[in-house]
Protein backbone atom coordinates (compact mmCIF):
# COMPACT_ATOMS: atom_id res chain seq x y z
CA MET A 1 -21.98 -5.47 10.12
CA GLU A 2 -24.80 -2.92 10.04
CA GLU A 3 -26.07 -4.08 13.43
CA ALA A 4 -22.56 -3.80 14.90
CA ILE A 5 -22.27 -0.23 13.61
CA ARG A 6 -25.68 0.59 15.08
CA LYS A 7 -24.42 -0.72 18.45
CA ILE A 8 -21.26 1.40 18.17
CA LEU A 9 -23.41 4.48 17.56
CA MET A 10 -25.40 3.71 20.71
CA GLU A 11 -22.23 3.05 22.73
CA ILE A 12 -20.86 6.51 21.93
CA GLY A 13 -24.14 8.09 23.02
CA GLU A 14 -25.80 8.62 19.64
CA ASP A 15 -29.31 7.78 18.54
CA PRO A 16 -29.01 5.52 15.46
CA ASN A 17 -32.65 6.33 14.62
CA ARG A 18 -32.17 10.09 14.23
CA GLU A 19 -32.46 11.46 10.71
CA GLY A 20 -28.75 11.95 10.00
CA LEU A 21 -27.80 8.47 11.25
CA VAL A 22 -30.61 6.22 9.98
CA ASP A 23 -28.64 5.15 6.88
CA THR A 24 -25.18 5.45 8.47
CA PRO A 25 -24.78 1.72 9.24
CA ARG A 26 -25.44 0.85 5.58
CA ARG A 27 -23.11 3.62 4.34
CA VAL A 28 -20.32 2.59 6.74
CA LYS A 29 -20.67 -1.03 5.64
CA LYS A 30 -20.32 0.00 1.98
CA SER A 31 -17.39 2.22 2.89
CA PHE A 32 -15.58 -0.61 4.70
CA GLU A 33 -16.24 -2.97 1.78
CA HIS A 34 -14.52 -0.47 -0.53
CA LEU A 35 -11.68 0.48 1.82
CA LEU A 36 -10.89 -3.18 2.55
CA LYS A 37 -11.51 -4.66 -0.92
CA GLY A 38 -7.95 -5.99 -0.98
CA TYR A 39 -9.18 -9.11 0.79
CA THR A 40 -11.12 -10.00 -2.36
CA MET A 41 -8.14 -9.36 -4.66
CA ASN A 42 -5.54 -11.94 -5.65
CA PRO A 43 -2.01 -10.71 -6.51
CA GLU A 44 -1.38 -13.59 -8.92
CA GLN A 45 -4.58 -12.83 -10.81
CA ILE A 46 -3.73 -9.13 -10.94
CA ILE A 47 -0.41 -9.87 -12.61
CA GLY A 48 -2.06 -12.51 -14.78
CA SER A 49 -0.93 -12.18 -18.35
CA ALA A 50 0.67 -8.76 -17.83
CA ILE A 51 4.25 -10.06 -17.91
CA PHE A 52 5.93 -9.25 -21.19
CA HIS A 53 9.20 -10.48 -22.67
CA GLU A 54 11.50 -7.56 -23.44
CA ASN A 55 15.23 -7.37 -24.01
CA CYS A 56 15.60 -5.26 -20.88
CA ASN A 57 17.94 -5.69 -17.95
CA ASN A 58 17.79 -2.12 -16.65
CA MET A 59 16.15 -0.56 -13.64
CA ILE A 60 12.46 0.18 -14.12
CA ILE A 61 10.81 2.60 -11.69
CA VAL A 62 7.23 3.63 -11.05
CA LYS A 63 7.07 6.33 -8.41
CA ASP A 64 4.44 8.33 -6.58
CA ILE A 65 1.76 5.63 -6.67
CA GLU A 66 -0.77 6.96 -4.20
CA LEU A 67 -2.00 4.53 -1.60
CA TYR A 68 -4.69 4.46 1.05
CA SER A 69 -4.75 1.86 3.77
CA MET A 70 -6.16 1.18 7.22
CA CYS A 71 -4.00 0.75 10.30
CA GLU A 72 -4.78 -2.62 11.84
CA HIS A 73 -4.16 -1.31 15.35
CA HIS A 74 -6.69 1.54 15.39
CA MET A 75 -8.63 1.03 12.13
CA LEU A 76 -7.75 4.55 11.11
CA PRO A 77 -6.47 5.44 7.64
CA PHE A 78 -2.92 5.98 6.56
CA TYR A 79 -2.08 7.36 3.16
CA GLY A 80 0.90 8.29 1.08
CA LYS A 81 3.04 7.29 -1.87
CA CYS A 82 4.69 4.08 -2.95
CA HIS A 83 7.81 3.97 -5.13
CA ILE A 84 8.71 0.71 -6.88
CA GLY A 85 11.86 -0.20 -8.74
CA TYR A 86 12.98 -3.50 -10.20
CA ILE A 87 15.66 -4.93 -12.45
CA SER A 88 14.28 -7.59 -14.71
CA HIS A 89 15.71 -10.57 -16.55
CA ASN A 90 14.11 -9.81 -19.90
CA LYS A 91 10.59 -9.70 -18.45
CA VAL A 92 8.62 -6.55 -17.58
CA TYR A 93 5.27 -5.85 -15.95
CA GLY A 94 2.43 -3.94 -17.51
CA VAL A 95 2.86 -0.68 -15.61
CA SER A 96 -0.74 -0.43 -14.34
CA LYS A 97 -0.39 -3.85 -12.70
CA LEU A 98 2.16 -2.47 -10.25
CA ALA A 99 -0.33 0.15 -9.07
CA ARG A 100 -2.98 -2.56 -8.80
CA LEU A 101 -0.63 -4.68 -6.65
CA VAL A 102 -0.17 -1.71 -4.32
CA ASP A 103 -3.97 -1.42 -3.99
CA CYS A 104 -4.36 -5.16 -3.48
CA PHE A 105 -2.21 -5.11 -0.35
CA ALA A 106 -3.01 -1.56 0.83
CA ARG A 107 -6.77 -2.16 0.85
CA ARG A 108 -6.50 -4.46 3.87
CA LEU A 109 -5.95 -3.90 7.57
CA GLN A 110 -2.22 -3.31 7.56
CA VAL A 111 0.95 -2.11 9.15
CA GLN A 112 3.15 -0.15 6.77
CA GLU A 113 6.16 -2.39 7.37
CA ARG A 114 4.31 -5.52 6.21
CA LEU A 115 2.67 -3.69 3.32
CA THR A 116 6.07 -2.64 1.96
CA GLN A 117 7.43 -6.19 2.17
CA GLN A 118 4.33 -7.77 0.60
CA ILE A 119 4.53 -5.48 -2.42
CA ALA A 120 8.25 -6.13 -2.91
CA GLN A 121 7.92 -9.91 -2.66
CA SER A 122 4.95 -10.02 -5.02
CA ILE A 123 7.01 -8.19 -7.68
CA LEU A 124 10.23 -10.18 -7.25
CA THR A 125 9.00 -13.73 -7.66
CA PRO A 126 6.81 -13.86 -10.83
CA ILE A 127 9.50 -12.43 -13.13
CA GLU A 128 12.48 -13.72 -11.15
CA ALA A 129 13.76 -10.15 -10.94
CA GLU A 130 17.42 -9.51 -10.17
CA GLY A 131 16.25 -7.09 -7.51
CA VAL A 132 13.33 -5.07 -6.23
CA GLY A 133 13.11 -1.91 -4.17
CA VAL A 134 9.92 -0.57 -2.61
CA VAL A 135 9.70 2.59 -0.53
CA ILE A 136 6.50 3.85 1.08
CA GLU A 137 6.12 7.32 2.58
CA ALA A 138 2.88 7.66 4.55
CA LYS A 139 1.02 9.77 7.07
CA HIS A 140 -0.91 7.90 9.73
CA LEU A 141 -4.11 9.36 11.12
CA CYS A 142 -3.62 7.31 14.30
CA MET A 143 -0.61 9.58 14.97
CA MET A 144 -2.22 12.75 13.65
CA MET A 145 -5.73 12.61 15.17
CA ARG A 146 -5.19 10.76 18.44
CA GLY A 147 -2.43 9.83 20.84
CA ILE A 148 0.65 11.94 20.17
CA GLU A 149 -1.16 14.23 17.63
CA LYS A 150 1.87 15.00 15.48
CA GLN A 151 0.51 16.54 12.27
CA ASN A 152 3.71 16.61 10.23
CA SER A 153 5.08 13.16 10.98
CA LYS A 154 5.69 10.81 8.10
CA MET A 155 6.71 7.17 8.23
CA ILE A 156 9.10 5.86 5.59
CA THR A 157 9.62 2.14 5.09
CA SER A 158 11.66 0.26 2.54
CA ALA A 159 12.04 -3.29 1.34
CA MET A 160 15.14 -4.01 -0.69
CA LEU A 161 15.45 -7.48 -2.20
CA GLY A 162 18.14 -9.09 -4.35
CA SER A 163 20.54 -6.62 -5.96
CA PHE A 164 18.77 -3.68 -4.28
CA ARG A 165 19.82 -5.13 -0.93
CA ASP A 166 23.21 -6.55 -1.92
CA GLU A 167 24.61 -3.76 -4.09
CA ILE A 168 24.96 -0.30 -2.59
CA ALA A 169 25.24 1.33 -6.05
CA THR A 170 21.92 -0.20 -7.16
CA ARG A 171 20.18 0.83 -3.96
CA ASN A 172 21.60 4.38 -4.18
CA GLU A 173 20.58 4.73 -7.84
CA PHE A 174 17.03 3.75 -6.92
CA LEU A 175 16.90 6.16 -3.97
CA ARG A 176 18.33 8.97 -6.10
CA LEU A 177 15.86 8.39 -8.92
CA ILE A 178 12.86 8.43 -6.57
CA GLY A 179 14.23 11.56 -4.87
CA LEU A 180 15.09 10.11 -1.45
CA GLU A 181 18.89 9.98 -1.57
CA ASN A 182 20.44 12.44 0.90
CA ARG A 183 17.04 13.79 1.91
């Protein structure tokens, strides 16, 4: 990877041997390893033993989970917030595990649409939830720094599964509680 980065520096007209760039290939490699660490993470292992039996059949929401990802089309970052809601069947997640699931999928080359769906599906199945809702609001540097250069654009995606898809009242309650209803 370091050699490839050195070649990129030469292709753009830089001297990879100048003082400020000598260690850049190593630093970029380490940066990519961190930014894309989701490939080394396993959603099932993240959840692990963090499913707890509780007499709870209500909506549970964790909102404003910050996320950072990389657009697979331009390899530029996108960042924003993820809101998760689910209705359990007497099983709940350890709350930090939901944020870790977001990181697991966000720290890969992604499109926001797939990311939203992956998070929702990974929450639904292990606890056989009645329903799951995931909404992601993100700003994409590929739209802000290049191409159309629209600084204030935000992409919003949602994945509604089970009762969040089938029941308008459930979906609306979730959207209201995360602050997106009628916005």
